[in-house]
All heavy atoms as atom14 arrays in JSON, in Angstrom:
{
  "sequence": "LAQGPEGDFVRVRRPEPLPPALQVAVDGLDAARLTRHMAFLTDPRRE",
  "atom14_mask": [
    [1, 1, 1, 1, 1, 1, 1, 1, 0, 0, 0, 0, 0, 0],
    [1, 1, 1, 1, 1, 0, 0, 0, 0, 0, 0, 0, 0, 0],
    [1, 1, 1, 1, 1, 1, 1, 1, 1, 0, 0, 0, 0, 0],
    [1, 1, 1, 1, 0, 0, 0, 0, 0, 0, 0, 0, 0, 0],
    [1, 1, 1, 1, 1, 1, 1, 0, 0, 0, 0, 0, 0, 0],
    [1, 1, 1, 1, 1, 1, 1, 1, 1, 0, 0, 0, 0, 0],
    [1, 1, 1, 1, 0, 0, 0, 0, 0, 0, 0, 0, 0, 0],
    [1, 1, 1, 1, 1, 1, 1, 1, 0, 0, 0, 0, 0, 0],
    [1, 1, 1, 1, 1, 1, 1, 1, 1, 1, 1, 0, 0, 0],
    [1, 1, 1, 1, 1, 1, 1, 0, 0, 0, 0, 0, 0, 0],
    [1, 1, 1, 1, 1, 1, 1, 1, 1, 1, 1, 0, 0, 0],
    [1, 1, 1, 1, 1, 1, 1, 0, 0, 0, 0, 0, 0, 0],
    [1, 1, 1, 1, 1, 1, 1, 1, 1, 1, 1, 0, 0, 0],
    [1, 1, 1, 1, 1, 1, 1, 1, 1, 1, 1, 0, 0, 0],
    [1, 1, 1, 1, 1, 1, 1, 0, 0, 0, 0, 0, 0, 0],
    [1, 1, 1, 1, 1, 1, 1, 1, 1, 0, 0, 0, 0, 0],
    [1, 1, 1, 1, 1, 1, 1, 0, 0, 0, 0, 0, 0, 0],
    [1, 1, 1, 1, 1, 1, 1, 1, 0, 0, 0, 0, 0, 0],
    [1, 1, 1, 1, 1, 1, 1, 0, 0, 0, 0, 0, 0, 0],
    [1, 1, 1, 1, 1, 1, 1, 0, 0, 0, 0, 0, 0, 0],
    [1, 1, 1, 1, 1, 0, 0, 0, 0, 0, 0, 0, 0, 0],
    [1, 1, 1, 1, 1, 1, 1, 1, 0, 0, 0, 0, 0, 0],
    [1, 1, 1, 1, 1, 1, 1, 1, 1, 0, 0, 0, 0, 0],
    [1, 1, 1, 1, 1, 1, 1, 0, 0, 0, 0, 0, 0, 0],
    [1, 1, 1, 1, 1, 0, 0, 0, 0, 0, 0, 0, 0, 0],
    [1, 1, 1, 1, 1, 1, 1, 0, 0, 0, 0, 0, 0, 0],
    [1, 1, 1, 1, 1, 1, 1, 1, 0, 0, 0, 0, 0, 0],
    [1, 1, 1, 1, 0, 0, 0, 0, 0, 0, 0, 0, 0, 0],
    [1, 1, 1, 1, 1, 1, 1, 1, 0, 0, 0, 0, 0, 0],
    [1, 1, 1, 1, 1, 1, 1, 1, 0, 0, 0, 0, 0, 0],
    [1, 1, 1, 1, 1, 0, 0, 0, 0, 0, 0, 0, 0, 0],
    [1, 1, 1, 1, 1, 0, 0, 0, 0, 0, 0, 0, 0, 0],
    [1, 1, 1, 1, 1, 1, 1, 1, 1, 1, 1, 0, 0, 0],
    [1, 1, 1, 1, 1, 1, 1, 1, 0, 0, 0, 0, 0, 0],
    [1, 1, 1, 1, 1, 1, 1, 0, 0, 0, 0, 0, 0, 0],
    [1, 1, 1, 1, 1, 1, 1, 1, 1, 1, 1, 0, 0, 0],
    [1, 1, 1, 1, 1, 1, 1, 1, 1, 1, 0, 0, 0, 0],
    [1, 1, 1, 1, 1, 1, 1, 1, 0, 0, 0, 0, 0, 0],
    [1, 1, 1, 1, 1, 0, 0, 0, 0, 0, 0, 0, 0, 0],
    [1, 1, 1, 1, 1, 1, 1, 1, 1, 1, 1, 0, 0, 0],
    [1, 1, 1, 1, 1, 1, 1, 1, 0, 0, 0, 0, 0, 0],
    [1, 1, 1, 1, 1, 1, 1, 0, 0, 0, 0, 0, 0, 0],
    [1, 1, 1, 1, 1, 1, 1, 1, 0, 0, 0, 0, 0, 0],
    [1, 1, 1, 1, 1, 1, 1, 0, 0, 0, 0, 0, 0, 0],
    [1, 1, 1, 1, 1, 1, 1, 1, 1, 1, 1, 0, 0, 0],
    [1, 1, 1, 1, 1, 1, 1, 1, 1, 1, 1, 0, 0, 0],
    [1, 1, 1, 1, 1, 1, 1, 1, 1, 0, 0, 0, 0, 0]
  ],
  "atom14_positions": [
    [[-8.36, -29.66, 12.84], [-7.89, -29.83, 11.46], [-8.88, -29.09, 10.58], [-10.01, -29.53, 10.42], [-7.81, -31.31, 11.09], [-7.47, -31.59, 9.61], [-6.13, -30.98, 9.25], [-7.47, -33.08, 9.34], [0.0, 0.0, 0.0], [0.0, 0.0, 0.0], [0.0, 0.0, 0.0], [0.0, 0.0, 0.0], [0.0, 0.0, 0.0], [0.0, 0.0, 0.0]],
    [[-8.46, -27.94, 10.05], [-9.36, -27.14, 9.24], [-9.76, -27.91, 7.98], [-9.03, -28.77, 7.51], [-8.68, -25.82, 8.86], [0.0, 0.0, 0.0], [0.0, 0.0, 0.0], [0.0, 0.0, 0.0], [0.0, 0.0, 0.0], [0.0, 0.0, 0.0], [0.0, 0.0, 0.0], [0.0, 0.0, 0.0], [0.0, 0.0, 0.0], [0.0, 0.0, 0.0]],
    [[-10.96, -27.57, 7.45], [-11.47, -28.29, 6.3], [-11.56, -27.37, 5.1], [-11.47, -26.15, 5.22], [-12.85, -28.87, 6.63], [-12.81, -29.92, 7.72], [-14.19, -30.47, 8.03], [-15.19, -29.9, 7.64], [-14.23, -31.59, 8.74], [0.0, 0.0, 0.0], [0.0, 0.0, 0.0], [0.0, 0.0, 0.0], [0.0, 0.0, 0.0], [0.0, 0.0, 0.0]],
    [[-11.79, -27.99, 3.94], [-11.91, -27.2, 2.71], [-10.62, -26.46, 2.42], [-9.53, -27.01, 2.55], [0.0, 0.0, 0.0], [0.0, 0.0, 0.0], [0.0, 0.0, 0.0], [0.0, 0.0, 0.0], [0.0, 0.0, 0.0], [0.0, 0.0, 0.0], [0.0, 0.0, 0.0], [0.0, 0.0, 0.0], [0.0, 0.0, 0.0], [0.0, 0.0, 0.0]],
    [[-10.72, -25.17, 2.03], [-9.51, -24.42, 1.69], [-8.58, -24.21, 2.88], [-7.43, -23.84, 2.71], [-10.06, -23.09, 1.18], [-11.42, -22.97, 1.77], [-11.94, -24.38, 1.85], [0.0, 0.0, 0.0], [0.0, 0.0, 0.0], [0.0, 0.0, 0.0], [0.0, 0.0, 0.0], [0.0, 0.0, 0.0], [0.0, 0.0, 0.0], [0.0, 0.0, 0.0]],
    [[-9.08, -24.47, 4.1], [-8.25, -24.28, 5.29], [-7.65, -25.6, 5.79], [-7.08, -25.65, 6.88], [-9.08, -23.62, 6.4], [-9.7, -22.29, 5.93], [-10.22, -21.43, 7.06], [-10.28, -21.94, 8.19], [-10.53, -20.27, 6.8], [0.0, 0.0, 0.0], [0.0, 0.0, 0.0], [0.0, 0.0, 0.0], [0.0, 0.0, 0.0], [0.0, 0.0, 0.0]],
    [[-7.79, -26.64, 4.99], [-7.36, -27.95, 5.44], [-5.86, -28.15, 5.54], [-5.41, -29.2, 5.98], [0.0, 0.0, 0.0], [0.0, 0.0, 0.0], [0.0, 0.0, 0.0], [0.0, 0.0, 0.0], [0.0, 0.0, 0.0], [0.0, 0.0, 0.0], [0.0, 0.0, 0.0], [0.0, 0.0, 0.0], [0.0, 0.0, 0.0], [0.0, 0.0, 0.0]],
    [[-5.08, -27.13, 5.16], [-3.63, -27.25, 5.25], [-3.12, -26.88, 6.64], [-1.91, -26.98, 6.89], [-2.95, -26.34, 4.22], [-3.26, -26.76, 2.8], [-3.71, -27.91, 2.62], [-3.07, -25.94, 1.9], [0.0, 0.0, 0.0], [0.0, 0.0, 0.0], [0.0, 0.0, 0.0], [0.0, 0.0, 0.0], [0.0, 0.0, 0.0], [0.0, 0.0, 0.0]],
    [[-3.99, -26.42, 7.53], [-3.58, -25.97, 8.85], [-4.13, -26.88, 9.93], [-5.32, -27.23, 9.92], [-4.05, -24.53, 9.09], [-3.31, -23.51, 8.27], [-3.72, -23.22, 6.98], [-2.18, -22.88, 8.77], [-3.04, -22.28, 6.21], [-1.49, -21.95, 8.01], [-1.92, -21.65, 6.73], [0.0, 0.0, 0.0], [0.0, 0.0, 0.0], [0.0, 0.0, 0.0]],
    [[-3.28, -27.25, 10.88], [-3.66, -28.12, 11.99], [-3.26, -27.41, 13.28], [-2.06, -27.2, 13.53], [-2.94, -29.49, 11.92], [-3.36, -30.38, 13.09], [-3.2, -30.17, 10.58], [0.0, 0.0, 0.0], [0.0, 0.0, 0.0], [0.0, 0.0, 0.0], [0.0, 0.0, 0.0], [0.0, 0.0, 0.0], [0.0, 0.0, 0.0], [0.0, 0.0, 0.0]],
    [[-4.22, -27.02, 14.08], [-3.91, -26.34, 15.34], [-4.08, -27.32, 16.49], [-5.14, -27.93, 16.66], [-4.82, -25.14, 15.54], [-4.59, -24.4, 16.87], [-3.18, -23.84, 16.96], [-2.81, -23.51, 18.31], [-2.97, -22.31, 18.87], [-3.51, -21.33, 18.18], [-2.58, -22.1, 20.1], [0.0, 0.0, 0.0], [0.0, 0.0, 0.0], [0.0, 0.0, 0.0]],
    [[-3.05, -27.47, 17.29], [-3.06, -28.39, 18.43], [-3.02, -27.55, 19.71], [-2.11, -26.76, 19.91], [-1.85, -29.34, 18.38], [-1.85, -30.27, 19.6], [-1.86, -30.15, 17.1], [0.0, 0.0, 0.0], [0.0, 0.0, 0.0], [0.0, 0.0, 0.0], [0.0, 0.0, 0.0], [0.0, 0.0, 0.0], [0.0, 0.0, 0.0], [0.0, 0.0, 0.0]],
    [[-4.02, -27.75, 20.54], [-4.08, -27.02, 21.82], [-3.66, -27.92, 22.98], [-3.04, -27.43, 23.93], [-5.48, -26.45, 22.02], [-5.89, -25.54, 20.84], [-7.18, -24.8, 21.07], [-7.54, -24.09, 19.84], [-7.05, -22.91, 19.48], [-6.17, -22.31, 20.25], [-7.44, -22.34, 18.35], [0.0, 0.0, 0.0], [0.0, 0.0, 0.0], [0.0, 0.0, 0.0]],
    [[-3.96, -29.18, 22.9], [-3.45, -30.17, 23.85], [-3.15, -31.43, 23.06], [-3.96, -31.83, 22.2], [-4.47, -30.5, 24.95], [-4.75, -29.37, 25.92], [-5.56, -29.89, 27.12], [-6.73, -30.64, 26.68], [-7.9, -30.09, 26.37], [-8.05, -28.78, 26.4], [-8.92, -30.84, 25.99], [0.0, 0.0, 0.0], [0.0, 0.0, 0.0], [0.0, 0.0, 0.0]],
    [[-2.02, -32.09, 23.32], [-1.72, -33.34, 22.59], [-2.79, -34.39, 22.83], [-3.35, -34.5, 23.92], [-0.37, -33.78, 23.16], [0.23, -32.55, 23.74], [-0.93, -31.72, 24.23], [0.0, 0.0, 0.0], [0.0, 0.0, 0.0], [0.0, 0.0, 0.0], [0.0, 0.0, 0.0], [0.0, 0.0, 0.0], [0.0, 0.0, 0.0], [0.0, 0.0, 0.0]],
    [[-3.06, -35.17, 21.8], [-3.98, -36.29, 21.9], [-3.18, -37.58, 22.03], [-2.07, -37.68, 21.51], [-4.89, -36.35, 20.68], [-5.85, -35.19, 20.59], [-6.79, -35.34, 19.4], [-6.61, -36.28, 18.6], [-7.7, -34.5, 19.28], [0.0, 0.0, 0.0], [0.0, 0.0, 0.0], [0.0, 0.0, 0.0], [0.0, 0.0, 0.0], [0.0, 0.0, 0.0]],
    [[-3.74, -38.61, 22.68], [-2.99, -39.86, 22.86], [-2.7, -40.53, 21.52], [-3.53, -40.56, 20.62], [-3.93, -40.72, 23.71], [-4.89, -39.77, 24.34], [-5.04, -38.63, 23.37], [0.0, 0.0, 0.0], [0.0, 0.0, 0.0], [0.0, 0.0, 0.0], [0.0, 0.0, 0.0], [0.0, 0.0, 0.0], [0.0, 0.0, 0.0], [0.0, 0.0, 0.0]],
    [[-1.5, -41.06, 21.42], [-1.11, -41.89, 20.3], [-1.33, -43.36, 20.67], [-1.52, -43.67, 21.86], [0.36, -41.65, 19.96], [0.7, -40.29, 19.37], [2.21, -40.04, 19.44], [0.21, -40.17, 17.93], [0.0, 0.0, 0.0], [0.0, 0.0, 0.0], [0.0, 0.0, 0.0], [0.0, 0.0, 0.0], [0.0, 0.0, 0.0], [0.0, 0.0, 0.0]],
    [[-1.31, -44.27, 19.71], [-1.35, -45.69, 20.07], [-0.28, -46.0, 21.12], [0.83, -45.44, 21.06], [-1.07, -46.39, 18.74], [-1.58, -45.43, 17.71], [-1.28, -44.06, 18.25], [0.0, 0.0, 0.0], [0.0, 0.0, 0.0], [0.0, 0.0, 0.0], [0.0, 0.0, 0.0], [0.0, 0.0, 0.0], [0.0, 0.0, 0.0], [0.0, 0.0, 0.0]],
    [[-0.55, -46.86, 22.08], [0.34, -47.03, 23.24], [1.8, -47.31, 22.89], [2.71, -46.67, 23.45], [-0.29, -48.21, 23.99], [-1.73, -48.14, 23.63], [-1.78, -47.66, 22.22], [0.0, 0.0, 0.0], [0.0, 0.0, 0.0], [0.0, 0.0, 0.0], [0.0, 0.0, 0.0], [0.0, 0.0, 0.0], [0.0, 0.0, 0.0], [0.0, 0.0, 0.0]],
    [[2.07, -48.25, 21.98], [3.46, -48.58, 21.65], [4.16, -47.38, 21.01], [5.33, -47.09, 21.29], [3.52, -49.79, 20.72], [0.0, 0.0, 0.0], [0.0, 0.0, 0.0], [0.0, 0.0, 0.0], [0.0, 0.0, 0.0], [0.0, 0.0, 0.0], [0.0, 0.0, 0.0], [0.0, 0.0, 0.0], [0.0, 0.0, 0.0], [0.0, 0.0, 0.0]],
    [[3.45, -46.67, 20.15], [4.01, -45.48, 19.51], [4.27, -44.4, 20.55], [5.31, -43.72, 20.51], [3.07, -44.97, 18.43], [3.37, -43.6, 17.81], [4.78, -43.51, 17.3], [2.37, -43.28, 16.7], [0.0, 0.0, 0.0], [0.0, 0.0, 0.0], [0.0, 0.0, 0.0], [0.0, 0.0, 0.0], [0.0, 0.0, 0.0], [0.0, 0.0, 0.0]],
    [[3.36, -44.22, 21.48], [3.55, -43.2, 22.52], [4.81, -43.48, 23.33], [5.58, -42.55, 23.64], [2.34, -43.18, 23.46], [2.35, -42.01, 24.44], [2.14, -40.68, 23.75], [1.12, -40.45, 23.11], [3.13, -39.79, 23.85], [0.0, 0.0, 0.0], [0.0, 0.0, 0.0], [0.0, 0.0, 0.0], [0.0, 0.0, 0.0], [0.0, 0.0, 0.0]],
    [[5.06, -44.74, 23.65], [6.27, -45.1, 24.41], [7.51, -44.76, 23.59], [8.5, -44.23, 24.12], [6.24, -46.59, 24.79], [7.57, -47.01, 25.41], [5.1, -46.87, 25.76], [0.0, 0.0, 0.0], [0.0, 0.0, 0.0], [0.0, 0.0, 0.0], [0.0, 0.0, 0.0], [0.0, 0.0, 0.0], [0.0, 0.0, 0.0], [0.0, 0.0, 0.0]],
    [[7.49, -45.05, 22.29], [8.65, -44.76, 21.44], [8.9, -43.25, 21.34], [10.05, -42.79, 21.42], [8.44, -45.36, 20.05], [0.0, 0.0, 0.0], [0.0, 0.0, 0.0], [0.0, 0.0, 0.0], [0.0, 0.0, 0.0], [0.0, 0.0, 0.0], [0.0, 0.0, 0.0], [0.0, 0.0, 0.0], [0.0, 0.0, 0.0], [0.0, 0.0, 0.0]],
    [[7.83, -42.48, 21.18], [7.97, -41.02, 21.1], [8.53, -40.48, 22.41], [9.44, -39.62, 22.41], [6.6, -40.38, 20.77], [6.62, -38.88, 21.03], [6.23, -40.65, 19.32], [0.0, 0.0, 0.0], [0.0, 0.0, 0.0], [0.0, 0.0, 0.0], [0.0, 0.0, 0.0], [0.0, 0.0, 0.0], [0.0, 0.0, 0.0], [0.0, 0.0, 0.0]],
    [[8.02, -40.96, 23.52], [8.49, -40.49, 24.82], [9.9, -40.98, 25.14], [10.57, -40.43, 26.03], [7.53, -40.96, 25.92], [6.17, -40.28, 25.83], [6.08, -39.23, 25.17], [5.2, -40.83, 26.41], [0.0, 0.0, 0.0], [0.0, 0.0, 0.0], [0.0, 0.0, 0.0], [0.0, 0.0, 0.0], [0.0, 0.0, 0.0], [0.0, 0.0, 0.0]],
    [[10.36, -41.99, 24.41], [11.7, -42.54, 24.68], [12.83, -41.79, 24.02], [14.01, -42.14, 24.22], [0.0, 0.0, 0.0], [0.0, 0.0, 0.0], [0.0, 0.0, 0.0], [0.0, 0.0, 0.0], [0.0, 0.0, 0.0], [0.0, 0.0, 0.0], [0.0, 0.0, 0.0], [0.0, 0.0, 0.0], [0.0, 0.0, 0.0], [0.0, 0.0, 0.0]],
    [[12.53, -40.77, 23.24], [13.6, -39.99, 22.61], [14.4, -39.24, 23.67], [13.84, -38.64, 24.58], [13.01, -39.01, 21.59], [12.35, -39.64, 20.37], [11.68, -38.58, 19.51], [13.37, -40.42, 19.54], [0.0, 0.0, 0.0], [0.0, 0.0, 0.0], [0.0, 0.0, 0.0], [0.0, 0.0, 0.0], [0.0, 0.0, 0.0], [0.0, 0.0, 0.0]],
    [[15.71, -39.26, 23.53], [16.63, -38.76, 24.56], [17.39, -37.55, 24.02], [18.18, -37.67, 23.08], [17.6, -39.88, 24.94], [18.5, -39.53, 26.1], [18.73, -38.33, 26.34], [19.0, -40.46, 26.77], [0.0, 0.0, 0.0], [0.0, 0.0, 0.0], [0.0, 0.0, 0.0], [0.0, 0.0, 0.0], [0.0, 0.0, 0.0], [0.0, 0.0, 0.0]],
    [[17.16, -36.37, 24.61], [17.82, -35.14, 24.16], [19.33, -35.21, 24.34], [20.08, -34.67, 23.52], [17.26, -33.94, 24.92], [0.0, 0.0, 0.0], [0.0, 0.0, 0.0], [0.0, 0.0, 0.0], [0.0, 0.0, 0.0], [0.0, 0.0, 0.0], [0.0, 0.0, 0.0], [0.0, 0.0, 0.0], [0.0, 0.0, 0.0], [0.0, 0.0, 0.0]],
    [[19.79, -35.88, 25.38], [21.24, -35.98, 25.61], [21.9, -36.79, 24.49], [23.01, -36.44, 24.03], [21.52, -36.63, 26.97], [0.0, 0.0, 0.0], [0.0, 0.0, 0.0], [0.0, 0.0, 0.0], [0.0, 0.0, 0.0], [0.0, 0.0, 0.0], [0.0, 0.0, 0.0], [0.0, 0.0, 0.0], [0.0, 0.0, 0.0], [0.0, 0.0, 0.0]],
    [[21.26, -37.84, 24.04], [21.8, -38.63, 22.93], [21.84, -37.79, 21.65], [22.82, -37.84, 20.9], [20.96, -39.88, 22.69], [21.09, -40.95, 23.75], [20.16, -42.11, 23.44], [20.2, -43.15, 24.45], [21.02, -44.2, 24.43], [21.88, -44.33, 23.43], [21.0, -45.1, 25.38], [0.0, 0.0, 0.0], [0.0, 0.0, 0.0], [0.0, 0.0, 0.0]],
    [[20.78, -37.04, 21.41], [20.76, -36.17, 20.24], [21.95, -35.21, 20.25], [22.65, -35.02, 19.24], [19.45, -35.37, 20.2], [18.18, -36.13, 19.85], [16.95, -35.28, 20.15], [18.19, -36.54, 18.38], [0.0, 0.0, 0.0], [0.0, 0.0, 0.0], [0.0, 0.0, 0.0], [0.0, 0.0, 0.0], [0.0, 0.0, 0.0], [0.0, 0.0, 0.0]],
    [[22.2, -34.61, 21.4], [23.3, -33.65, 21.5], [24.64, -34.31, 21.3], [25.53, -33.77, 20.64], [23.23, -32.95, 22.87], [21.97, -32.29, 23.01], [24.35, -31.91, 23.0], [0.0, 0.0, 0.0], [0.0, 0.0, 0.0], [0.0, 0.0, 0.0], [0.0, 0.0, 0.0], [0.0, 0.0, 0.0], [0.0, 0.0, 0.0], [0.0, 0.0, 0.0]],
    [[24.81, -35.53, 21.83], [26.09, -36.24, 21.64], [26.32, -36.56, 20.17], [27.45, -36.42, 19.67], [26.11, -37.52, 22.48], [26.29, -37.28, 23.96], [26.76, -38.54, 24.67], [25.78, -39.62, 24.6], [24.79, -39.79, 25.47], [24.64, -38.94, 26.48], [23.96, -40.82, 25.36], [0.0, 0.0, 0.0], [0.0, 0.0, 0.0], [0.0, 0.0, 0.0]],
    [[25.28, -37.0, 19.47], [25.44, -37.28, 18.04], [25.83, -36.01, 17.28], [26.72, -36.04, 16.43], [24.14, -37.84, 17.47], [23.76, -39.19, 18.0], [24.68, -40.18, 18.24], [22.53, -39.71, 18.32], [24.05, -41.26, 18.69], [22.75, -40.99, 18.74], [0.0, 0.0, 0.0], [0.0, 0.0, 0.0], [0.0, 0.0, 0.0], [0.0, 0.0, 0.0]],
    [[25.15, -34.91, 17.57], [25.46, -33.66, 16.86], [26.86, -33.17, 17.19], [27.55, -32.61, 16.32], [24.41, -32.6, 17.17], [23.04, -32.95, 16.59], [21.79, -31.65, 16.77], [21.49, -31.69, 18.54], [0.0, 0.0, 0.0], [0.0, 0.0, 0.0], [0.0, 0.0, 0.0], [0.0, 0.0, 0.0], [0.0, 0.0, 0.0], [0.0, 0.0, 0.0]],
    [[27.29, -33.38, 18.42], [28.65, -32.99, 18.79], [29.68, -33.79, 18.01], [30.7, -33.25, 17.55], [28.85, -33.17, 20.3], [0.0, 0.0, 0.0], [0.0, 0.0, 0.0], [0.0, 0.0, 0.0], [0.0, 0.0, 0.0], [0.0, 0.0, 0.0], [0.0, 0.0, 0.0], [0.0, 0.0, 0.0], [0.0, 0.0, 0.0], [0.0, 0.0, 0.0]],
    [[29.45, -35.09, 17.85], [30.37, -35.9, 17.05], [30.41, -35.42, 15.61], [31.48, -35.26, 15.02], [29.95, -37.37, 17.09], [30.8, -38.27, 16.24], [31.93, -38.87, 16.75], [30.49, -38.49, 14.89], [32.75, -39.68, 15.95], [31.29, -39.29, 14.09], [32.42, -39.89, 14.63], [0.0, 0.0, 0.0], [0.0, 0.0, 0.0], [0.0, 0.0, 0.0]],
    [[29.26, -35.18, 15.03], [29.19, -34.82, 13.62], [29.82, -33.47, 13.32], [30.36, -33.25, 12.24], [27.72, -34.82, 13.17], [27.03, -36.19, 13.19], [25.52, -36.03, 13.1], [27.52, -37.06, 12.05], [0.0, 0.0, 0.0], [0.0, 0.0, 0.0], [0.0, 0.0, 0.0], [0.0, 0.0, 0.0], [0.0, 0.0, 0.0], [0.0, 0.0, 0.0]],
    [[29.75, -32.55, 14.28], [30.27, -31.2, 14.05], [31.68, -31.01, 14.59], [32.24, -29.92, 14.45], [29.34, -30.16, 14.69], [29.2, -30.44, 16.09], [27.96, -30.18, 14.03], [0.0, 0.0, 0.0], [0.0, 0.0, 0.0], [0.0, 0.0, 0.0], [0.0, 0.0, 0.0], [0.0, 0.0, 0.0], [0.0, 0.0, 0.0], [0.0, 0.0, 0.0]],
    [[32.24, -32.04, 15.17], [33.62, -31.96, 15.67], [34.56, -31.6, 14.51], [34.42, -32.14, 13.41], [34.02, -33.31, 16.27], [35.35, -33.25, 17.0], [36.39, -33.03, 16.33], [35.37, -33.44, 18.23], [0.0, 0.0, 0.0], [0.0, 0.0, 0.0], [0.0, 0.0, 0.0], [0.0, 0.0, 0.0], [0.0, 0.0, 0.0], [0.0, 0.0, 0.0]],
    [[35.53, -30.69, 14.73], [36.45, -30.34, 13.64], [37.17, -31.53, 13.02], [37.58, -31.48, 11.85], [37.44, -29.39, 14.33], [36.67, -28.78, 15.45], [35.75, -29.86, 15.93], [0.0, 0.0, 0.0], [0.0, 0.0, 0.0], [0.0, 0.0, 0.0], [0.0, 0.0, 0.0], [0.0, 0.0, 0.0], [0.0, 0.0, 0.0], [0.0, 0.0, 0.0]],
    [[37.3, -32.62, 13.78], [37.95, -33.81, 13.22], [37.11, -34.46, 12.11], [37.63, -35.26, 11.33], [38.23, -34.83, 14.33], [39.36, -34.41, 15.26], [39.5, -35.34, 16.43], [38.36, -35.2, 17.35], [38.27, -35.83, 18.52], [39.23, -36.66, 18.89], [37.22, -35.64, 19.31], [0.0, 0.0, 0.0], [0.0, 0.0, 0.0], [0.0, 0.0, 0.0]],
    [[35.84, -34.09, 12.02], [35.01, -34.59, 10.91], [35.22, -33.76, 9.65], [34.64, -34.05, 8.62], [33.52, -34.54, 11.28], [33.11, -35.27, 12.55], [33.24, -36.76, 12.48], [34.55, -37.2, 12.91], [34.97, -37.24, 14.18], [34.18, -36.85, 15.15], [36.18, -37.68, 14.46], [0.0, 0.0, 0.0], [0.0, 0.0, 0.0], [0.0, 0.0, 0.0]],
    [[36.03, -32.72, 9.7], [36.42, -31.92, 8.52], [35.21, -31.34, 7.78], [35.23, -31.15, 6.57], [37.24, -32.76, 7.54], [38.47, -33.41, 8.15], [39.17, -34.33, 7.17], [38.67, -35.45, 6.96], [40.22, -33.92, 6.62], [0.0, 0.0, 0.0], [0.0, 0.0, 0.0], [0.0, 0.0, 0.0], [0.0, 0.0, 0.0], [0.0, 0.0, 0.0]]
  ]
}
């Protein structure tokens, strides 16, 4: 995390651990569910 005038930039080279419960929630995101939701929303029947 750059400091001073460079503090707007954050470079990540390897992820750092999150609090355990948060890490489980982040890892629990499901790409297939995301795609199904987007398919419903963009279906022509949604006009």
